[in-house]
Amino acid sequence: MSLVEIAKLHEIPEDGCLPYEGQEKILLWRSGDEVFATQFHCTHEALSLEDSWLNDDCTIECPWHSAVFNLRDGAAVSAPASKPLKVYPVQIVNESVLINWDG
Protein backbone atom coordinates (compact mmCIF):
# COMPACT_ATOMS: atom_id res chain seq x y z
CA MET A 1 0.00 0.00 0.00
CA SER A 2 1.45 3.31 -1.11
CA LEU A 3 0.23 6.36 0.82
CA VAL A 4 0.59 9.84 -0.68
CA GLU A 5 0.00 13.15 1.12
CA ILE A 6 -2.60 15.14 -0.76
CA ALA A 7 -3.74 17.80 1.73
CA LYS A 8 -3.58 19.11 5.27
CA LEU A 9 -6.63 18.52 7.44
CA HIS A 10 -7.25 22.26 7.95
CA GLU A 11 -7.52 22.75 4.17
CA ILE A 12 -10.69 20.66 3.99
CA PRO A 13 -13.74 22.66 5.11
CA GLU A 14 -15.62 21.15 8.04
CA ASP A 15 -18.79 19.48 6.75
CA GLY A 16 -17.64 20.22 3.22
CA CYS A 17 -15.30 19.08 0.50
CA LEU A 18 -12.06 19.95 -1.23
CA PRO A 19 -11.38 19.01 -4.84
CA TYR A 20 -8.00 17.48 -5.57
CA GLU A 21 -6.43 16.55 -8.88
CA GLY A 22 -3.53 14.15 -8.79
CA GLN A 23 -3.43 10.65 -10.17
CA GLU A 24 -7.21 11.11 -10.52
CA LYS A 25 -9.60 13.99 -9.89
CA ILE A 26 -11.30 13.35 -6.53
CA LEU A 27 -13.15 15.05 -3.71
CA LEU A 28 -12.02 15.00 -0.08
CA TRP A 29 -14.97 15.16 2.32
CA ARG A 30 -14.70 16.13 5.98
CA SER A 31 -17.28 15.22 8.58
CA GLY A 32 -16.02 16.06 12.06
CA ASP A 33 -12.60 14.43 12.40
CA GLU A 34 -13.27 11.93 9.61
CA VAL A 35 -12.08 12.41 6.04
CA PHE A 36 -13.32 10.48 3.03
CA ALA A 37 -12.11 10.46 -0.57
CA THR A 38 -14.44 9.77 -3.49
CA GLN A 39 -14.42 10.03 -7.24
CA PHE A 40 -15.28 13.51 -8.52
CA HIS A 41 -18.29 12.69 -10.71
CA CYS A 42 -21.68 11.18 -9.94
CA THR A 43 -22.17 7.66 -11.29
CA HIS A 44 -25.63 8.58 -12.57
CA GLU A 45 -24.84 11.33 -15.08
CA ALA A 46 -21.08 11.94 -14.67
CA LEU A 47 -21.75 15.45 -13.30
CA SER A 48 -19.62 17.04 -10.59
CA LEU A 49 -20.37 16.16 -6.98
CA GLU A 50 -18.44 19.17 -5.68
CA ASP A 51 -21.58 21.10 -4.68
CA SER A 52 -23.26 18.09 -3.04
CA TRP A 53 -24.87 18.32 0.38
CA LEU A 54 -23.06 16.49 3.15
CA ASN A 55 -25.56 14.92 5.54
CA ASP A 56 -25.06 14.07 9.22
CA ASP A 57 -25.04 10.33 8.45
CA CYS A 58 -21.91 10.60 6.21
CA THR A 59 -23.91 10.54 3.00
CA ILE A 60 -23.83 13.10 0.21
CA GLU A 61 -26.69 14.17 -2.02
CA CYS A 62 -25.90 15.03 -5.62
CA PRO A 63 -27.08 18.57 -6.43
CA TRP A 64 -28.17 17.59 -9.95
CA HIS A 65 -30.64 14.71 -9.52
CA SER A 66 -30.61 14.03 -5.75
CA ALA A 67 -28.83 10.67 -5.84
CA VAL A 68 -27.45 9.83 -2.39
CA PHE A 69 -24.14 8.06 -1.72
CA ASN A 70 -22.56 6.68 1.45
CA LEU A 71 -19.10 8.19 1.92
CA ARG A 72 -17.82 5.22 3.94
CA ASP A 73 -18.19 2.64 1.17
CA GLY A 74 -19.44 4.60 -1.86
CA ALA A 75 -22.77 2.74 -1.95
CA ALA A 76 -25.58 4.31 -3.96
CA VAL A 77 -28.25 4.76 -1.29
CA SER A 78 -31.03 6.19 -3.44
CA ALA A 79 -32.07 6.54 -7.05
CA PRO A 80 -31.45 7.63 -9.66
CA ALA A 81 -27.90 6.35 -9.08
CA SER A 82 -27.45 2.59 -8.89
CA LYS A 83 -23.67 2.26 -9.20
CA PRO A 84 -21.43 3.00 -6.20
CA LEU A 85 -18.84 5.76 -6.08
CA LYS A 86 -15.20 4.79 -6.14
CA VAL A 87 -13.75 5.49 -2.71
CA TYR A 88 -10.12 5.63 -1.62
CA PRO A 89 -8.67 4.70 1.78
CA VAL A 90 -7.63 7.78 3.77
CA GLN A 91 -5.37 8.11 6.78
CA ILE A 92 -4.65 11.23 8.83
CA VAL A 93 -1.18 11.47 10.33
CA ASN A 94 -0.14 14.66 12.14
CA GLU A 95 -2.66 16.81 10.19
CA SER A 96 -1.51 15.28 6.87
CA VAL A 97 -4.25 13.66 4.80
CA LEU A 98 -2.83 10.58 3.09
CA ILE A 99 -4.52 8.57 0.37
CA ASN A 100 -3.95 5.15 -1.11
CA TRP A 101 -4.57 5.53 -4.86
CA ASP A 102 -4.60 1.76 -5.27
CA GLY A 103 -7.68 1.47 -3.09
C-alpha atoms as a PDB file:
ATOM      1  CA  MET A   1       0.000   0.000   0.000  1.00  0.00           C
ATOM      2  CA  SER A   2       1.445   3.309  -1.108  1.00  0.00           C
ATOM      3  CA  LEU A   3       0.232   6.360   0.819  1.00  0.00           C
ATOM      4  CA  VAL A   4       0.589   9.844  -0.676  1.00  0.00           C
ATOM      5  CA  GLU A   5      -0.001  13.148   1.121  1.00  0.00           C
ATOM      6  CA  ILE A   6      -2.600  15.144  -0.758  1.00  0.00           C
ATOM      7  CA  ALA A   7      -3.740  17.804   1.731  1.00  0.00           C
ATOM      8  CA  LYS A   8      -3.580  19.110   5.266  1.00  0.00           C
ATOM      9  CA  LEU A   9      -6.629  18.523   7.444  1.00  0.00           C
ATOM     10  CA  HIS A  10      -7.247  22.257   7.952  1.00  0.00           C
ATOM     11  CA  GLU A  11      -7.522  22.746   4.166  1.00  0.00           C
ATOM     12  CA  ILE A  12     -10.695  20.664   3.987  1.00  0.00           C
ATOM     13  CA  PRO A  13     -13.744  22.662   5.106  1.00  0.00           C
ATOM     14  CA  GLU A  14     -15.619  21.149   8.042  1.00  0.00           C
ATOM     15  CA  ASP A  15     -18.786  19.481   6.750  1.00  0.00           C
ATOM     16  CA  GLY A  16     -17.636  20.216   3.223  1.00  0.00           C
ATOM     17  CA  CYS A  17     -15.299  19.078   0.497  1.00  0.00           C
ATOM     18  CA  LEU A  18     -12.059  19.948  -1.228  1.00  0.00           C
ATOM     19  CA  PRO A  19     -11.384  19.010  -4.843  1.00  0.00           C
ATOM     20  CA  TYR A  20      -7.997  17.481  -5.569  1.00  0.00           C
ATOM     21  CA  GLU A  21      -6.434  16.553  -8.878  1.00  0.00           C
ATOM     22  CA  GLY A  22      -3.530  14.148  -8.792  1.00  0.00           C
ATOM     23  CA  GLN A  23      -3.426  10.654 -10.165  1.00  0.00           C
ATOM     24  CA  GLU A  24      -7.213  11.111 -10.519  1.00  0.00           C
ATOM     25  CA  LYS A  25      -9.603  13.992  -9.885  1.00  0.00           C
ATOM     26  CA  ILE A  26     -11.304  13.355  -6.532  1.00  0.00           C
ATOM     27  CA  LEU A  27     -13.151  15.046  -3.709  1.00  0.00           C
ATOM     28  CA  LEU A  28     -12.022  15.005  -0.085  1.00  0.00           C
ATOM     29  CA  TRP A  29     -14.971  15.163   2.318  1.00  0.00           C
ATOM     30  CA  ARG A  30     -14.702  16.135   5.976  1.00  0.00           C
ATOM     31  CA  SER A  31     -17.277  15.219   8.581  1.00  0.00           C
ATOM     32  CA  GLY A  32     -16.018  16.059  12.064  1.00  0.00           C
ATOM     33  CA  ASP A  33     -12.597  14.434  12.399  1.00  0.00           C
ATOM     34  CA  GLU A  34     -13.266  11.934   9.608  1.00  0.00           C
ATOM     35  CA  VAL A  35     -12.081  12.414   6.036  1.00  0.00           C
ATOM     36  CA  PHE A  36     -13.323  10.478   3.032  1.00  0.00           C
ATOM     37  CA  ALA A  37     -12.113  10.455  -0.567  1.00  0.00           C
ATOM     38  CA  THR A  38     -14.435   9.774  -3.494  1.00  0.00           C
ATOM     39  CA  GLN A  39     -14.418  10.033  -7.236  1.00  0.00           C
ATOM     40  CA  PHE A  40     -15.278  13.511  -8.522  1.00  0.00           C
ATOM     41  CA  HIS A  41     -18.290  12.694 -10.709  1.00  0.00           C
ATOM     42  CA  CYS A  42     -21.683  11.177  -9.940  1.00  0.00           C
ATOM     43  CA  THR A  43     -22.169   7.662 -11.287  1.00  0.00           C
ATOM     44  CA  HIS A  44     -25.633   8.575 -12.565  1.00  0.00           C
ATOM     45  CA  GLU A  45     -24.844  11.329 -15.084  1.00  0.00           C
ATOM     46  CA  ALA A  46     -21.084  11.944 -14.665  1.00  0.00           C
ATOM     47  CA  LEU A  47     -21.750  15.448 -13.303  1.00  0.00           C
ATOM     48  CA  SER A  48     -19.622  17.041 -10.590  1.00  0.00           C
ATOM     49  CA  LEU A  49     -20.369  16.162  -6.976  1.00  0.00           C
ATOM     50  CA  GLU A  50     -18.441  19.175  -5.685  1.00  0.00           C
ATOM     51  CA  ASP A  51     -21.580  21.097  -4.680  1.00  0.00           C
ATOM     52  CA  SER A  52     -23.259  18.092  -3.043  1.00  0.00           C
ATOM     53  CA  TRP A  53     -24.872  18.320   0.378  1.00  0.00           C
ATOM     54  CA  LEU A  54     -23.058  16.487   3.153  1.00  0.00           C
ATOM     55  CA  ASN A  55     -25.561  14.918   5.541  1.00  0.00           C
ATOM     56  CA  ASP A  56     -25.056  14.071   9.224  1.00  0.00           C
ATOM     57  CA  ASP A  57     -25.038  10.329   8.454  1.00  0.00           C
ATOM     58  CA  CYS A  58     -21.914  10.603   6.210  1.00  0.00           C
ATOM     59  CA  THR A  59     -23.905  10.544   3.000  1.00  0.00           C
ATOM     60  CA  ILE A  60     -23.832  13.099   0.211  1.00  0.00           C
ATOM     61  CA  GLU A  61     -26.689  14.167  -2.024  1.00  0.00           C
ATOM     62  CA  CYS A  62     -25.903  15.032  -5.622  1.00  0.00           C
ATOM     63  CA  PRO A  63     -27.081  18.573  -6.435  1.00  0.00           C
ATOM     64  CA  TRP A  64     -28.174  17.594  -9.948  1.00  0.00           C
ATOM     65  CA  HIS A  65     -30.642  14.707  -9.518  1.00  0.00           C
ATOM     66  CA  SER A  66     -30.610  14.033  -5.747  1.00  0.00           C
ATOM     67  CA  ALA A  67     -28.830  10.665  -5.843  1.00  0.00           C
ATOM     68  CA  VAL A  68     -27.454   9.831  -2.395  1.00  0.00           C
ATOM     69  CA  PHE A  69     -24.140   8.059  -1.720  1.00  0.00           C
ATOM     70  CA  ASN A  70     -22.563   6.681   1.449  1.00  0.00           C
ATOM     71  CA  LEU A  71     -19.101   8.186   1.916  1.00  0.00           C
ATOM     72  CA  ARG A  72     -17.823   5.218   3.938  1.00  0.00           C
ATOM     73  CA  ASP A  73     -18.195   2.635   1.174  1.00  0.00           C
ATOM     74  CA  GLY A  74     -19.438   4.596  -1.855  1.00  0.00           C
ATOM     75  CA  ALA A  75     -22.773   2.739  -1.950  1.00  0.00           C
ATOM     76  CA  ALA A  76     -25.576   4.311  -3.963  1.00  0.00           C
ATOM     77  CA  VAL A  77     -28.253   4.761  -1.290  1.00  0.00           C
ATOM     78  CA  SER A  78     -31.032   6.188  -3.442  1.00  0.00           C
ATOM     79  CA  ALA A  79     -32.069   6.536  -7.053  1.00  0.00           C
ATOM     80  CA  PRO A  80     -31.454   7.633  -9.658  1.00  0.00           C
ATOM     81  CA  ALA A  81     -27.905   6.346  -9.077  1.00  0.00           C
ATOM     82  CA  SER A  82     -27.451   2.591  -8.889  1.00  0.00           C
ATOM     83  CA  LYS A  83     -23.668   2.256  -9.202  1.00  0.00           C
ATOM     84  CA  PRO A  84     -21.427   2.996  -6.197  1.00  0.00           C
ATOM     85  CA  LEU A  85     -18.844   5.763  -6.077  1.00  0.00           C
ATOM     86  CA  LYS A  86     -15.202   4.788  -6.140  1.00  0.00           C
ATOM     87  CA  VAL A  87     -13.746   5.490  -2.706  1.00  0.00           C
ATOM     88  CA  TYR A  88     -10.119   5.633  -1.615  1.00  0.00           C
ATOM     89  CA  PRO A  89      -8.670   4.700   1.783  1.00  0.00           C
ATOM     90  CA  VAL A  90      -7.630   7.778   3.766  1.00  0.00           C
ATOM     91  CA  GLN A  91      -5.369   8.115   6.781  1.00  0.00           C
ATOM     92  CA  ILE A  92      -4.654  11.228   8.827  1.00  0.00           C
ATOM     93  CA  VAL A  93      -1.179  11.470  10.326  1.00  0.00           C
ATOM     94  CA  ASN A  94      -0.143  14.661  12.140  1.00  0.00           C
ATOM     95  CA  GLU A  95      -2.662  16.810  10.192  1.00  0.00           C
ATOM     96  CA  SER A  96      -1.511  15.278   6.869  1.00  0.00           C
ATOM     97  CA  VAL A  97      -4.250  13.656   4.798  1.00  0.00           C
ATOM     98  CA  LEU A  98      -2.825  10.582   3.092  1.00  0.00           C
ATOM     99  CA  ILE A  99      -4.522   8.570   0.368  1.00  0.00           C
ATOM    100  CA  ASN A 100      -3.953   5.147  -1.108  1.00  0.00           C
ATOM    101  CA  TRP A 101      -4.571   5.531  -4.855  1.00  0.00           C
ATOM    102  CA  ASP A 102      -4.596   1.759  -5.273  1.00  0.00           C
ATOM    103  CA  GLY A 103      -7.683   1.465  -3.088  1.00  0.00           C
END
